[in-house]
Amino acid sequence: MVTMISTCANTKSKHGSDLNLHLCLEKQNVRIIMDTKWKLLNSNDKQRKYNLKETDFYQLFAYGHKYQSGAGDMVLIYPKHQEFEHPLSCFKLGDDMRLWVMPFDLEKRCLIYHDEFHFIFFNP
């Protein structure tokens, strides 16, 4: 069973900035940190890094250290649209942290995830 942990408590980092966690899913001993964005990505524009922002990577990197002790999987979720219909390849944020970037289909109300991510989180 997958449990959603509601943890929207404001926590301050060492530098005084807020680390407000949007979503945290947990199954047995596996925890997935997720954050939602409303920017539109372009999966065809690799030269411009798909329109991903460096600050979003830093934010999830900080979440990974704060809530997962620097190891585990994190997900950035963006709206699905014509130029972003499939998940991007996984990004490594160090030896033990991975960042997945996935579209959310607003019409069907579902996350479109990578097969490898499904195996990590949903298999026993």
PDB file of N, CA and C in Angstrom:
ATOM      1  N   MET A   1       0.833  -1.177   0.000  1.00  0.00           N
ATOM      2  CA  MET A   1       0.000   0.000   0.000  1.00  0.00           C
ATOM      3  C   MET A   1       0.885   1.251   0.000  1.00  0.00           C
ATOM      4  N   VAL A   2       0.508   2.234  -0.807  1.00  0.00           N
ATOM      5  CA  VAL A   2       1.222   3.504  -0.884  1.00  0.00           C
ATOM      6  C   VAL A   2       0.548   4.494   0.047  1.00  0.00           C
ATOM      7  N   THR A   3       1.330   5.171   0.846  1.00  0.00           N
ATOM      8  CA  THR A   3       0.810   6.159   1.791  1.00  0.00           C
ATOM      9  C   THR A   3       1.312   7.531   1.406  1.00  0.00           C
ATOM     10  N   MET A   4       0.404   8.508   1.379  1.00  0.00           N
ATOM     11  CA  MET A   4       0.826   9.880   1.159  1.00  0.00           C
ATOM     12  C   MET A   4       1.045  10.512   2.516  1.00  0.00           C
ATOM     13  N   ILE A   5       2.239  11.015   2.719  1.00  0.00           N
ATOM     14  CA  ILE A   5       2.581  11.674   3.975  1.00  0.00           C
ATOM     15  C   ILE A   5       2.328  13.159   3.793  1.00  0.00           C
ATOM     16  N   SER A   6       1.451  13.711   4.581  1.00  0.00           N
ATOM     17  CA  SER A   6       1.163  15.133   4.491  1.00  0.00           C
ATOM     18  C   SER A   6       2.170  15.878   5.354  1.00  0.00           C
ATOM     19  N   THR A   7       3.133  16.512   4.732  1.00  0.00           N
ATOM     20  CA  THR A   7       4.161  17.216   5.474  1.00  0.00           C
ATOM     21  C   THR A   7       4.410  18.570   4.843  1.00  0.00           C
ATOM     22  N   CYS A   8       3.471  19.455   5.046  1.00  0.00           N
ATOM     23  CA  CYS A   8       3.601  20.798   4.499  1.00  0.00           C
ATOM     24  C   CYS A   8       4.055  21.788   5.557  1.00  0.00           C
ATOM     25  N   ALA A   9       4.640  21.276   6.600  1.00  0.00           N
ATOM     26  CA  ALA A   9       5.145  22.159   7.653  1.00  0.00           C
ATOM     27  C   ALA A   9       6.299  22.986   7.106  1.00  0.00           C
ATOM     28  N   ASN A  10       6.337  24.236   7.479  1.00  0.00           N
ATOM     29  CA  ASN A  10       7.442  25.085   7.069  1.00  0.00           C
ATOM     30  C   ASN A  10       8.682  24.702   7.848  1.00  0.00           C
ATOM     31  N   THR A  11       9.730  24.369   7.135  1.00  0.00           N
ATOM     32  CA  THR A  11      11.005  24.097   7.777  1.00  0.00           C
ATOM     33  C   THR A  11      12.033  25.020   7.157  1.00  0.00           C
ATOM     34  N   LYS A  12      12.851  25.574   7.964  1.00  0.00           N
ATOM     35  CA  LYS A  12      13.868  26.512   7.481  1.00  0.00           C
ATOM     36  C   LYS A  12      15.183  25.776   7.264  1.00  0.00           C
ATOM     37  N   SER A  13      15.833  26.109   6.165  1.00  0.00           N
ATOM     38  CA  SER A  13      17.163  25.561   5.926  1.00  0.00           C
ATOM     39  C   SER A  13      18.172  26.368   6.729  1.00  0.00           C
ATOM     40  N   LYS A  14      19.434  25.975   6.664  1.00  0.00           N
ATOM     41  CA  LYS A  14      20.495  26.703   7.377  1.00  0.00           C
ATOM     42  C   LYS A  14      20.565  28.161   6.949  1.00  0.00           C
ATOM     43  N   HIS A  15      20.174  28.424   5.691  1.00  0.00           N
ATOM     44  CA  HIS A  15      20.301  29.772   5.141  1.00  0.00           C
ATOM     45  C   HIS A  15      19.022  30.577   5.299  1.00  0.00           C
ATOM     46  N   GLY A  16      18.029  30.020   6.017  1.00  0.00           N
ATOM     47  CA  GLY A  16      16.814  30.762   6.295  1.00  0.00           C
ATOM     48  C   GLY A  16      15.723  30.625   5.254  1.00  0.00           C
ATOM     49  N   SER A  17      15.958  29.869   4.175  1.00  0.00           N
ATOM     50  CA  SER A  17      14.919  29.728   3.158  1.00  0.00           C
ATOM     51  C   SER A  17      13.978  28.587   3.527  1.00  0.00           C
ATOM     52  N   ASP A  18      12.748  28.695   3.091  1.00  0.00           N
ATOM     53  CA  ASP A  18      11.750  27.667   3.384  1.00  0.00           C
ATOM     54  C   ASP A  18      11.986  26.426   2.541  1.00  0.00           C
ATOM     55  N   LEU A  19      11.738  25.279   3.135  1.00  0.00           N
ATOM     56  CA  LEU A  19      11.754  24.012   2.416  1.00  0.00           C
ATOM     57  C   LEU A  19      10.361  23.408   2.552  1.00  0.00           C
ATOM     58  N   ASN A  20       9.410  23.926   1.783  1.00  0.00           N
ATOM     59  CA  ASN A  20       8.031  23.458   1.841  1.00  0.00           C
ATOM     60  C   ASN A  20       7.861  22.282   0.897  1.00  0.00           C
ATOM     61  N   LEU A  21       7.614  21.151   1.460  1.00  0.00           N
ATOM     62  CA  LEU A  21       7.465  19.920   0.705  1.00  0.00           C
ATOM     63  C   LEU A  21       6.038  19.821   0.179  1.00  0.00           C
ATOM     64  N   HIS A  22       5.886  19.590  -1.137  1.00  0.00           N
ATOM     65  CA  HIS A  22       4.549  19.453  -1.720  1.00  0.00           C
ATOM     66  C   HIS A  22       3.964  18.074  -1.460  1.00  0.00           C
ATOM     67  N   LEU A  23       4.680  17.037  -1.884  1.00  0.00           N
ATOM     68  CA  LEU A  23       4.180  15.674  -1.770  1.00  0.00           C
ATOM     69  C   LEU A  23       5.284  14.734  -1.328  1.00  0.00           C
ATOM     70  N   CYS A  24       4.901  13.785  -0.527  1.00  0.00           N
ATOM     71  CA  CYS A  24       5.831  12.736  -0.125  1.00  0.00           C
ATOM     72  C   CYS A  24       5.049  11.430  -0.089  1.00  0.00           C
ATOM     73  N   LEU A  25       5.451  10.473  -0.899  1.00  0.00           N
ATOM     74  CA  LEU A  25       4.815   9.168  -0.914  1.00  0.00           C
ATOM     75  C   LEU A  25       5.734   8.163  -0.251  1.00  0.00           C
ATOM     76  N   GLU A  26       5.137   7.242   0.468  1.00  0.00           N
ATOM     77  CA  GLU A  26       5.944   6.236   1.155  1.00  0.00           C
ATOM     78  C   GLU A  26       5.298   4.862   1.008  1.00  0.00           C
ATOM     79  N   LYS A  27       6.131   3.879   0.711  1.00  0.00           N
ATOM     80  CA  LYS A  27       5.689   2.492   0.653  1.00  0.00           C
ATOM     81  C   LYS A  27       6.770   1.663   1.318  1.00  0.00           C
ATOM     82  N   GLN A  28       6.401   0.976   2.382  1.00  0.00           N
ATOM     83  CA  GLN A  28       7.355   0.228   3.182  1.00  0.00           C
ATOM     84  C   GLN A  28       8.500   1.161   3.558  1.00  0.00           C
ATOM     85  N   ASN A  29       9.713   0.898   3.138  1.00  0.00           N
ATOM     86  CA  ASN A  29      10.848   1.764   3.483  1.00  0.00           C
ATOM     87  C   ASN A  29      11.269   2.677   2.344  1.00  0.00           C
ATOM     88  N   VAL A  30      10.450   2.777   1.292  1.00  0.00           N
ATOM     89  CA  VAL A  30      10.792   3.615   0.140  1.00  0.00           C
ATOM     90  C   VAL A  30       9.998   4.905   0.224  1.00  0.00           C
ATOM     91  N   ARG A  31      10.696   6.028   0.169  1.00  0.00           N
ATOM     92  CA  ARG A  31      10.073   7.344   0.228  1.00  0.00           C
ATOM     93  C   ARG A  31      10.409   8.093  -1.062  1.00  0.00           C
ATOM     94  N   ILE A  32       9.388   8.702  -1.660  1.00  0.00           N
ATOM     95  CA  ILE A  32       9.549   9.487  -2.881  1.00  0.00           C
ATOM     96  C   ILE A  32       9.104  10.913  -2.596  1.00  0.00           C
ATOM     97  N   ILE A  33       9.997  11.864  -2.822  1.00  0.00           N
ATOM     98  CA  ILE A  33       9.701  13.284  -2.663  1.00  0.00           C
ATOM     99  C   ILE A  33       9.248  13.806  -4.032  1.00  0.00           C
ATOM    100  N   MET A  34       8.126  14.532  -4.059  1.00  0.00           N
ATOM    101  CA  MET A  34       7.589  15.054  -5.317  1.00  0.00           C
ATOM    102  C   MET A  34       7.296  16.542  -5.182  1.00  0.00           C
ATOM    103  N   ASP A  35       7.489  17.257  -6.277  1.00  0.00           N
ATOM    104  CA  ASP A  35       7.170  18.676  -6.300  1.00  0.00           C
ATOM    105  C   ASP A  35       6.478  18.984  -7.620  1.00  0.00           C
ATOM    106  N   THR A  36       5.497  19.851  -7.575  1.00  0.00           N
ATOM    107  CA  THR A  36       4.747  20.210  -8.774  1.00  0.00           C
ATOM    108  C   THR A  36       5.144  21.594  -9.265  1.00  0.00           C
ATOM    109  N   LYS A  37       5.123  21.742 -10.581  1.00  0.00           N
ATOM    110  CA  LYS A  37       5.438  23.018 -11.227  1.00  0.00           C
ATOM    111  C   LYS A  37       4.381  23.286 -12.290  1.00  0.00           C
ATOM    112  N   TRP A  38       4.199  24.547 -12.623  1.00  0.00           N
ATOM    113  CA  TRP A  38       3.232  24.914 -13.657  1.00  0.00           C
ATOM    114  C   TRP A  38       3.893  25.441 -14.919  1.00  0.00           C
ATOM    115  N   LYS A  39       5.209  25.396 -14.987  1.00  0.00           N
ATOM    116  CA  LYS A  39       5.914  25.819 -16.198  1.00  0.00           C
ATOM    117  C   LYS A  39       5.699  24.782 -17.283  1.00  0.00           C
ATOM    118  N   LEU A  40       5.785  25.212 -18.532  1.00  0.00           N
ATOM    119  CA  LEU A  40       5.652  24.280 -19.644  1.00  0.00           C
ATOM    120  C   LEU A  40       7.034  23.861 -20.128  1.00  0.00           C
ATOM    121  N   LEU A  41       7.264  22.561 -20.136  1.00  0.00           N
ATOM    122  CA  LEU A  41       8.533  22.029 -20.615  1.00  0.00           C
ATOM    123  C   LEU A  41       8.437  21.703 -22.092  1.00  0.00           C
ATOM    124  N   ASN A  42       9.614  21.576 -22.716  1.00  0.00           N
ATOM    125  CA  ASN A  42       9.687  21.172 -24.117  1.00  0.00           C
ATOM    126  C   ASN A  42      10.672  20.023 -24.208  1.00  0.00           C
ATOM    127  N   SER A  43      10.161  18.813 -24.335  1.00  0.00           N
ATOM    128  CA  SER A  43      11.030  17.628 -24.337  1.00  0.00           C
ATOM    129  C   SER A  43      11.891  17.521 -25.586  1.00  0.00           C
ATOM    130  N   ASN A  44      11.648  18.379 -26.569  1.00  0.00           N
ATOM    131  CA  ASN A  44      12.462  18.380 -27.788  1.00  0.00           C
ATOM    132  C   ASN A  44      13.609  19.392 -27.731  1.00  0.00           C
ATOM    133  N   ASP A  45      13.647  20.236 -26.723  1.00  0.00           N
ATOM    134  CA  ASP A  45      14.632  21.317 -26.650  1.00  0.00           C
ATOM    135  C   ASP A  45      15.740  20.986 -25.651  1.00  0.00           C
ATOM    136  N   LYS A  46      16.534  19.986 -25.997  1.00  0.00           N
ATOM    137  CA  LYS A  46      17.620  19.560 -25.109  1.00  0.00           C
ATOM    138  C   LYS A  46      18.666  20.659 -24.932  1.00  0.00           C
ATOM    139  N   GLN A  47      18.897  21.447 -25.973  1.00  0.00           N
ATOM    140  CA  GLN A  47      19.895  22.527 -25.905  1.00  0.00           C
ATOM    141  C   GLN A  47      19.558  23.526 -24.798  1.00  0.00           C
ATOM    142  N   ARG A  48      18.293  23.799 -24.589  1.00  0.00           N
ATOM    143  CA  ARG A  48      17.859  24.720 -23.528  1.00  0.00           C
ATOM    144  C   ARG A  48      17.414  23.961 -22.277  1.00  0.00           C
ATOM    145  N   LYS A  49      17.881  22.725 -22.157  1.00  0.00           N
ATOM    146  CA  LYS A  49      17.600  21.879 -20.991  1.00  0.00           C
ATOM    147  C   LYS A  49      16.105  21.707 -20.753  1.00  0.00           C
ATOM    148  N   TYR A  50      15.365  21.566 -21.850  1.00  0.00           N
ATOM    149  CA  TYR A  50      13.921  21.284 -21.820  1.00  0.00           C
ATOM    150  C   TYR A  50      13.101  22.387 -21.155  1.00  0.00           C
ATOM    151  N   ASN A  51      13.701  23.534 -20.915  1.00  0.00           N
ATOM    152  CA  ASN A  51      13.109  24.661 -20.177  1.00  0.00           C
ATOM    153  C   ASN A  51      13.075  24.409 -18.666  1.00  0.00           C
ATOM    154  N   LEU A  52      13.837  23.429 -18.207  1.00  0.00           N
ATOM    155  CA  LEU A  52      13.978  23.200 -16.771  1.00  0.00           C
ATOM    156  C   LEU A  52      14.813  24.322 -16.168  1.00  0.00           C
ATOM    157  N   LYS A  53      14.507  24.682 -14.954  1.00  0.00           N
ATOM    158  CA  LYS A  53      15.253  25.734 -14.259  1.00  0.00           C
ATOM    159  C   LYS A  53      16.236  25.113 -13.274  1.00  0.00           C
ATOM    160  N   GLU A  54      17.416  25.678 -13.227  1.00  0.00           N
ATOM    161  CA  GLU A  54      18.448  25.196 -12.308  1.00  0.00           C
ATOM    162  C   GLU A  54      17.969  25.269 -10.861  1.00  0.00           C
ATOM    163  N   THR A  55      17.182  26.287 -10.545  1.00  0.00           N
ATOM    164  CA  THR A  55      16.680  26.435  -9.175  1.00  0.00           C
ATOM    165  C   THR A  55      15.791  25.258  -8.765  1.00  0.00           C
ATOM    166  N   ASP A  56      15.070  24.678  -9.729  1.00  0.00           N
ATOM    167  CA  ASP A  56      14.240  23.515  -9.416  1.00  0.00           C
ATOM    168  C   ASP A  56      15.109  22.316  -9.036  1.00  0.00           C
ATOM    169  N   PHE A  57      16.237  22.152  -9.724  1.00  0.00           N
ATOM    170  CA  PHE A  57      17.168  21.076  -9.374  1.00  0.00           C
ATOM    171  C   PHE A  57      17.740  21.294  -7.972  1.00  0.00           C
ATOM    172  N   TYR A  58      18.128  22.529  -7.677  1.00  0.00           N
ATOM    173  CA  TYR A  58      18.656  22.834  -6.345  1.00  0.00           C
ATOM    174  C   TYR A  58      17.609  22.577  -5.262  1.00  0.00           C
ATOM    175  N   GLN A  59      16.367  22.938  -5.552  1.00  0.00           N
ATOM    176  CA  GLN A  59      15.292  22.730  -4.585  1.00  0.00           C
ATOM    177  C   GLN A  59      15.130  21.243  -4.275  1.00  0.00           C
ATOM    178  N   LEU A  60      15.092  20.406  -5.309  1.00  0.00           N
ATOM    179  CA  LEU A  60      14.921  18.969  -5.075  1.00  0.00           C
ATOM    180  C   LEU A  60      16.173  18.359  -4.455  1.00  0.00           C
ATOM    181  N   PHE A  61      17.338  18.884  -4.791  1.00  0.00           N
ATOM    182  CA  PHE A  61      18.577  18.443  -4.167  1.00  0.00           C
ATOM    183  C   PHE A  61      18.517  18.708  -2.652  1.00  0.00           C
ATOM    184  N   ALA A  62      18.031  19.900  -2.296  1.00  0.00           N
ATOM    185  CA  ALA A  62      17.887  20.243  -0.870  1.00  0.00           C
ATOM    186  C   ALA A  62      16.858  19.345  -0.193  1.00  0.00           C
ATOM    187  N   TYR A  63      15.727  19.093  -0.854  1.00  0.00           N
ATOM    188  CA  TYR A  63      14.730  18.170  -0.303  1.00  0.00           C
ATOM    189  C   TYR A  63      15.335  16.792  -0.073  1.00  0.00           C
ATOM    190  N   GLY A  64      16.115  16.331  -1.048  1.00  0.00           N
ATOM    191  CA  GLY A  64      16.735  15.010  -0.930  1.00  0.00           C
ATOM    192  C   GLY A  64      17.641  14.899   0.279  1.00  0.00           C
ATOM    193  N   HIS A  65      18.360  15.967   0.576  1.00  0.00           N
ATOM    194  CA  HIS A  65      19.238  15.950   1.752  1.00  0.00           C
ATOM    195  C   HIS A  65      18.451  16.128   3.046  1.00  0.00           C
ATOM    196  N   LYS A  66      17.433  16.973   3.006  1.00  0.00           N
ATOM    197  CA  LYS A  66      16.640  17.242   4.212  1.00  0.00           C
ATOM    198  C   LYS A  66      15.761  16.052   4.596  1.00  0.00           C
ATOM    199  N   TYR A  67      15.062  15.475   3.623  1.00  0.00           N
ATOM    200  CA  TYR A  67      14.045  14.470   3.915  1.00  0.00           C
ATOM    201  C   TYR A  67      14.454  13.031   3.599  1.00  0.00           C
ATOM    202  N   GLN A  68      15.584  12.840   2.882  1.00  0.00           N
ATOM    203  CA  GLN A  68      15.991  11.490   2.498  1.00  0.00           C
ATOM    204  C   GLN A  68      17.466  11.217   2.803  1.00  0.00           C
ATOM    205  N   SER A  69      18.081  12.046   3.559  1.00  0.00           N
ATOM    206  CA  SER A  69      19.487  11.877   3.943  1.00  0.00           C
ATOM    207  C   SER A  69      20.418  11.725   2.745  1.00  0.00           C
ATOM    208  N   GLY A  70      20.101  12.412   1.659  1.00  0.00           N
ATOM    209  CA  GLY A  70      20.985  12.432   0.496  1.00  0.00           C
ATOM    210  C   GLY A  70      20.928  11.200  -0.391  1.00  0.00           C
ATOM    211  N   ALA A  71      19.881  10.390  -0.255  1.00  0.00           N
ATOM    212  CA  ALA A  71      19.758   9.193  -1.086  1.00  0.00           C
ATOM    213  C   ALA A  71      18.291   8.950  -1.413  1.00  0.00           C
ATOM    214  N   GLY A  72      18.024   8.530  -2.629  1.00  0.00           N
ATOM    215  CA  GLY A  72      16.658   8.181  -2.988  1.00  0.00           C
ATOM    216  C   GLY A  72      16.201   8.846  -4.264  1.00  0.00           C
ATOM    217  N   ASP A  73      14.904   8.769  -4.481  1.00  0.00           N
ATOM    218  CA  ASP A  73      14.290   9.267  -5.704  1.00  0.00           C
ATOM    219  C   ASP A  73      13.386  10.448  -5.411  1.00  0.00           C
ATOM    220  N   MET A  74      13.428  11.412  -6.335  1.00  0.00           N
ATOM    221  CA  MET A  74      12.588  12.587  -6.254  1.00  0.00           C
ATOM    222  C   MET A  74      11.962  12.812  -7.617  1.00  0.00           C
ATOM    223  N   VAL A  75      10.817  13.488  -7.635  1.00  0.00           N
ATOM    224  CA  VAL A  75      10.081  13.683  -8.880  1.00  0.00           C
ATOM    225  C   VAL A  75       9.658  15.143  -9.006  1.00  0.00           C
ATOM    226  N   LEU A  76       9.920  15.714 -10.177  1.00  0.00           N
ATOM    227  CA  LEU A  76       9.355  17.002 -10.554  1.00  0.00           C
ATOM    228  C   LEU A  76       8.214  16.708 -11.516  1.00  0.00           C
ATOM    229  N   ILE A  77       7.045  17.280 -11.240  1.00  0.00           N
ATOM    230  CA  ILE A  77       5.857  17.029 -12.039  1.00  0.00           C
ATOM    231  C   ILE A  77       5.446  18.324 -12.744  1.00  0.00           C
ATOM    232  N   TYR A  78       5.300  18.237 -14.067  1.00  0.00           N
ATOM    233  CA  TYR A  78       4.908  19.373 -14.897  1.00  0.00           C
ATOM    234  C   TYR A  78       3.656  19.009 -15.683  1.00  0.00           C
ATOM    235  N   PRO A  79       2.878  19.995 -16.111  1.00  0.00           N
ATOM    236  CA  PRO A  79       1.681  19.685 -16.898  1.00  0.00           C
ATOM    237  C   PRO A  79       2.046  19.047 -18.245  1.00  0.00           C
ATOM    238  N   LYS A  80       1.278  18.043 -18.615  1.00  0.00           N
ATOM    239  CA  LYS A  80       1.416  17.428 -19.931  1.00  0.00           C
ATOM    240  C   LYS A  80       0.815  18.373 -20.970  1.00  0.00           C
ATOM    241  N   HIS A  81       1.504  18.489 -22.086  1.00  0.00           N
ATOM    242  CA  HIS A  81       0.995  19.263 -23.212  1.00  0.00           C
ATOM    243  C   HIS A  81       1.693  18.740 -24.465  1.00  0.00           C
ATOM    244  N   GLN A  82       1.414  19.327 -25.583  1.00  0.00           N
ATOM    245  CA  GLN A  82       1.899  18.826 -26.873  1.00  0.00           C
ATOM    246  C   GLN A  82       3.411  18.643 -26.924  1.00  0.00           C
ATOM    247  N   GLU A  83       4.172  19.475 -26.244  1.00  0.00           N
ATOM    248  CA  GLU A  83       5.634  19.392 -26.305  1.00  0.00           C
ATOM    249  C   GLU A  83       6.242  18.657 -25.111  1.00  0.00           C
ATOM    250  N   PHE A  84       5.398  18.133 -24.240  1.00  0.00           N
ATOM    251  CA  PHE A  84       5.879  17.348 -23.097  1.00  0.00           C
ATOM    252  C   PHE A  84       4.839  16.276 -22.766  1.00  0.00           C
ATOM    253  N   GLU A  85       4.942  15.149 -23.466  1.00  0.00           N
ATOM    254  CA  GLU A  85       3.964  14.077 -23.317  1.00  0.00           C
ATOM    255  C   GLU A  85       4.517  12.838 -22.626  1.00  0.00           C
ATOM    256  N   HIS A  86       5.847  12.754 -22.525  1.00  0.00           N
ATOM    257  CA  HIS A  86       6.489  11.575 -21.947  1.00  0.00           C
ATOM    258  C   HIS A  86       7.548  12.003 -20.934  1.00  0.00           C
ATOM    259  N   PRO A  87       7.827  11.160 -19.936  1.00  0.00           N
ATOM    260  CA  PRO A  87       8.856  11.497 -18.945  1.00  0.00           C
ATOM    261  C   PRO A  87      10.228  11.670 -19.595  1.00  0.00           C
ATOM    262  N   LEU A  88      11.032  12.530 -18.994  1.00  0.00           N
ATOM    263  CA  LEU A  88      12.417  12.686 -19.434  1.00  0.00           C
ATOM    264  C   LEU A  88      13.255  11.565 -18.832  1.00  0.00           C
ATOM    265  N   SER A  89      14.447  11.379 -19.363  1.00  0.00           N
ATOM    266  CA  SER A  89      15.385  10.428 -18.757  1.00  0.00           C
ATOM    267  C   SER A  89      15.743  10.905 -17.364  1.00  0.00           C
ATOM    268  N   CYS A  90      16.065   9.981 -16.518  1.00  0.00           N
ATOM    269  CA  CYS A  90      16.387  10.273 -15.120  1.00  0.00           C
ATOM    270  C   CYS A  90      17.676  11.092 -15.011  1.00  0.00           C
ATOM    271  N   PHE A  91      17.694  12.052 -14.090  1.00  0.00           N
ATOM    272  CA  PHE A  91      18.882  12.862 -13.810  1.00  0.00           C
ATOM    273  C   PHE A  91      19.520  12.365 -12.517  1.00  0.00           C
ATOM    274  N   LYS A  92      20.825  12.210 -12.519  1.00  0.00           N
ATOM    275  CA  LYS A  92      21.558  11.841 -11.301  1.00  0.00           C
ATOM    276  C   LYS A  92      21.944  13.116 -10.566  1.00  0.00           C
ATOM    277  N   LEU A  93      21.615  13.182  -9.281  1.00  0.00           N
ATOM    278  CA  LEU A  93      21.971  14.334  -8.445  1.00  0.00           C
ATOM    279  C   LEU A  93      23.020  13.931  -7.419  1.00  0.00           C
ATOM    280  N   GLY A  94      23.925  13.110  -7.809  1.00  0.00           N
ATOM    281  CA  GLY A  94      24.929  12.576  -6.901  1.00  0.00           C
ATOM    282  C   GLY A  94      24.923  11.067  -7.014  1.00  0.00           C
ATOM    283  N   ASP A  95      25.720  10.432  -6.188  1.00  0.00           N
ATOM    284  CA  ASP A  95      25.841   8.979  -6.258  1.00  0.00           C
ATOM    285  C   ASP A  95      24.546   8.254  -5.939  1.00  0.00           C
ATOM    286  N   ASP A  96      23.765   8.783  -5.002  1.00  0.00           N
ATOM    287  CA  ASP A  96      22.605   8.041  -4.509  1.00  0.00           C
ATOM    288  C   ASP A  96      21.272   8.757  -4.663  1.00  0.00           C
ATOM    289  N   MET A  97      21.253   9.879  -5.392  1.00  0.00           N
ATOM    290  CA  MET A  97      20.000  10.606  -5.580  1.00  0.00           C
ATOM    291  C   MET A  97      19.658  10.682  -7.058  1.00  0.00           C
ATOM    292  N   ARG A  98      18.377  10.425  -7.353  1.00  0.00           N
ATOM    293  CA  ARG A  98      17.907  10.515  -8.730  1.00  0.00           C
ATOM    294  C   ARG A  98      16.701  11.443  -8.795  1.00  0.00           C
ATOM    295  N   LEU A  99      16.640  12.200  -9.887  1.00  0.00           N
ATOM    296  CA  LEU A  99      15.522  13.108 -10.125  1.00  0.00           C
ATOM    297  C   LEU A  99      14.809  12.689 -11.407  1.00  0.00           C
ATOM    298  N   TRP A 100      13.514  12.446 -11.269  1.00  0.00           N
ATOM    299  CA  TRP A 100      12.658  12.088 -12.392  1.00  0.00           C
ATOM    300  C   TRP A 100      11.817  13.306 -12.750  1.00  0.00           C
ATOM    301  N   VAL A 101      11.624  13.546 -14.040  1.00  0.00           N
ATOM    302  CA  VAL A 101      10.783  14.655 -14.504  1.00  0.00           C
ATOM    303  C   VAL A 101       9.659  14.033 -15.327  1.00  0.00           C
ATOM    304  N   MET A 102       8.417  14.213 -14.832  1.00  0.00           N
ATOM    305  CA  MET A 102       7.280  13.512 -15.418  1.00  0.00           C
ATOM    306  C   MET A 102       6.115  14.462 -15.704  1.00  0.00           C
ATOM    307  N   PRO A 103       5.383  14.174 -16.773  1.00  0.00           N
ATOM    308  CA  PRO A 103       4.181  14.969 -17.052  1.00  0.00           C
ATOM    309  C   PRO A 103       2.971  14.451 -16.286  1.00  0.00           C
ATOM    310  N   PHE A 104       2.083  15.376 -15.953  1.00  0.00           N
ATOM    311  CA  PHE A 104       0.806  15.018 -15.349  1.00  0.00           C
ATOM    312  C   PHE A 104      -0.276  15.388 -16.353  1.00  0.00           C
ATOM    313  N   ASP A 105      -1.092  14.410 -16.716  1.00  0.00           N
ATOM    314  CA  ASP A 105      -2.183  14.622 -17.667  1.00  0.00           C
ATOM    315  C   ASP A 105      -3.378  15.182 -16.902  1.00  0.00           C
ATOM    316  N   LEU A 106      -3.660  16.465 -17.102  1.00  0.00           N
ATOM    317  CA  LEU A 106      -4.745  17.129 -16.376  1.00  0.00           C
ATOM    318  C   LEU A 106      -6.115  16.617 -16.805  1.00  0.00           C
ATOM    319  N   GLU A 107      -6.260  16.212 -18.058  1.00  0.00           N
ATOM    320  CA  GLU A 107      -7.548  15.705 -18.528  1.00  0.00           C
ATOM    321  C   GLU A 107      -7.862  14.331 -17.936  1.00  0.00           C
ATOM    322  N   LYS A 108      -6.865  13.449 -17.919  1.00  0.00           N
ATOM    323  CA  LYS A 108      -7.069  12.101 -17.395  1.00  0.00           C
ATOM    324  C   LYS A 108      -6.783  11.999 -15.900  1.00  0.00           C
ATOM    325  N   ARG A 109      -6.209  13.071 -15.347  1.00  0.00           N
ATOM    326  CA  ARG A 109      -5.868  13.139 -13.923  1.00  0.00           C
ATOM    327  C   ARG A 109      -4.924  12.013 -13.501  1.00  0.00           C
ATOM    328  N   CYS A 110      -3.832  11.891 -14.264  1.00  0.00           N
ATOM    329  CA  CYS A 110      -2.871  10.839 -13.926  1.00  0.00           C
ATOM    330  C   CYS A 110      -1.443  11.272 -14.263  1.00  0.00           C
ATOM    331  N   LEU A 111      -0.528  10.725 -13.497  1.00  0.00           N
ATOM    332  CA  LEU A 111       0.894  10.941 -13.705  1.00  0.00           C
ATOM    333  C   LEU A 111       1.379   9.965 -14.768  1.00  0.00           C
ATOM    334  N   ILE A 112       2.177  10.462 -15.695  1.00  0.00           N
ATOM    335  CA  ILE A 112       2.754   9.607 -16.729  1.00  0.00           C
ATOM    336  C   ILE A 112       4.193   9.339 -16.310  1.00  0.00           C
ATOM    337  N   TYR A 113       4.449   8.120 -15.877  1.00  0.00           N
ATOM    338  CA  TYR A 113       5.744   7.812 -15.289  1.00  0.00           C
ATOM    339  C   TYR A 113       6.568   6.895 -16.188  1.00  0.00           C
ATOM    340  N   HIS A 114       7.852   6.895 -15.915  1.00  0.00           N
ATOM    341  CA  HIS A 114       8.830   6.069 -16.608  1.00  0.00           C
ATOM    342  C   HIS A 114       8.711   4.640 -16.093  1.00  0.00           C
ATOM    343  N   ASP A 115       8.872   3.647 -16.969  1.00  0.00           N
ATOM    344  CA  ASP A 115       8.772   2.240 -16.561  1.00  0.00           C
ATOM    345  C   ASP A 115       9.716   1.902 -15.417  1.00  0.00           C
ATOM    346  N   GLU A 116      10.932   2.436 -15.454  1.00  0.00           N
ATOM    347  CA  GLU A 116      11.905   2.154 -14.400  1.00  0.00           C
ATOM    348  C   GLU A 116      11.431   2.700 -13.057  1.00  0.00           C
ATOM    349  N   PHE A 117      10.811   3.871 -13.057  1.00  0.00           N
ATOM    350  CA  PHE A 117      10.270   4.453 -11.835  1.00  0.00           C
ATOM    351  C   PHE A 117       9.160   3.562 -11.280  1.00  0.00           C
ATOM    352  N   HIS A 118       8.308   3.060 -12.141  1.00  0.00           N
ATOM    353  CA  HIS A 118       7.231   2.162 -11.718  1.00  0.00           C
ATOM    354  C   HIS A 118       7.806   0.939 -11.024  1.00  0.00           C
ATOM    355  N   PHE A 119       8.868   0.378 -11.570  1.00  0.00           N
ATOM    356  CA  PHE A 119       9.495  -0.807 -10.981  1.00  0.00           C
ATOM    357  C   PHE A 119      10.050  -0.503  -9.587  1.00  0.00           C
ATOM    358  N   ILE A 120      10.711   0.641  -9.443  1.00  0.00           N
ATOM    359  CA  ILE A 120      11.337   1.014  -8.171  1.00  0.00           C
ATOM    360  C   ILE A 120      10.286   1.171  -7.071  1.00  0.00           C
ATOM    361  N   PHE A 121       9.199   1.845  -7.402  1.00  0.00           N
ATOM    362  CA  PHE A 121       8.267   2.224  -6.357  1.00  0.00           C
ATOM    363  C   PHE A 121       7.079   1.281  -6.191  1.00  0.00           C
ATOM    364  N   PHE A 122       6.569   0.735  -7.264  1.00  0.00           N
ATOM    365  CA  PHE A 122       5.318  -0.013  -7.162  1.00  0.00           C
ATOM    366  C   PHE A 122       5.484  -1.521  -7.067  1.00  0.00           C
ATOM    367  N   ASN A 123       6.664  -2.053  -7.324  1.00  0.00           N
ATOM    368  CA  ASN A 123       6.871  -3.492  -7.150  1.00  0.00           C
ATOM    369  C   ASN A 123       7.253  -3.792  -5.710  1.00  0.00           C
ATOM    370  N   PRO A 124       6.856  -4.968  -5.228  1.00  0.00           N
ATOM    371  CA  PRO A 124       7.166  -5.301  -3.824  1.00  0.00           C
ATOM    372  C   PRO A 124       8.646  -5.494  -3.594  1.00  0.00           C
TER     373      PRO A 124
END
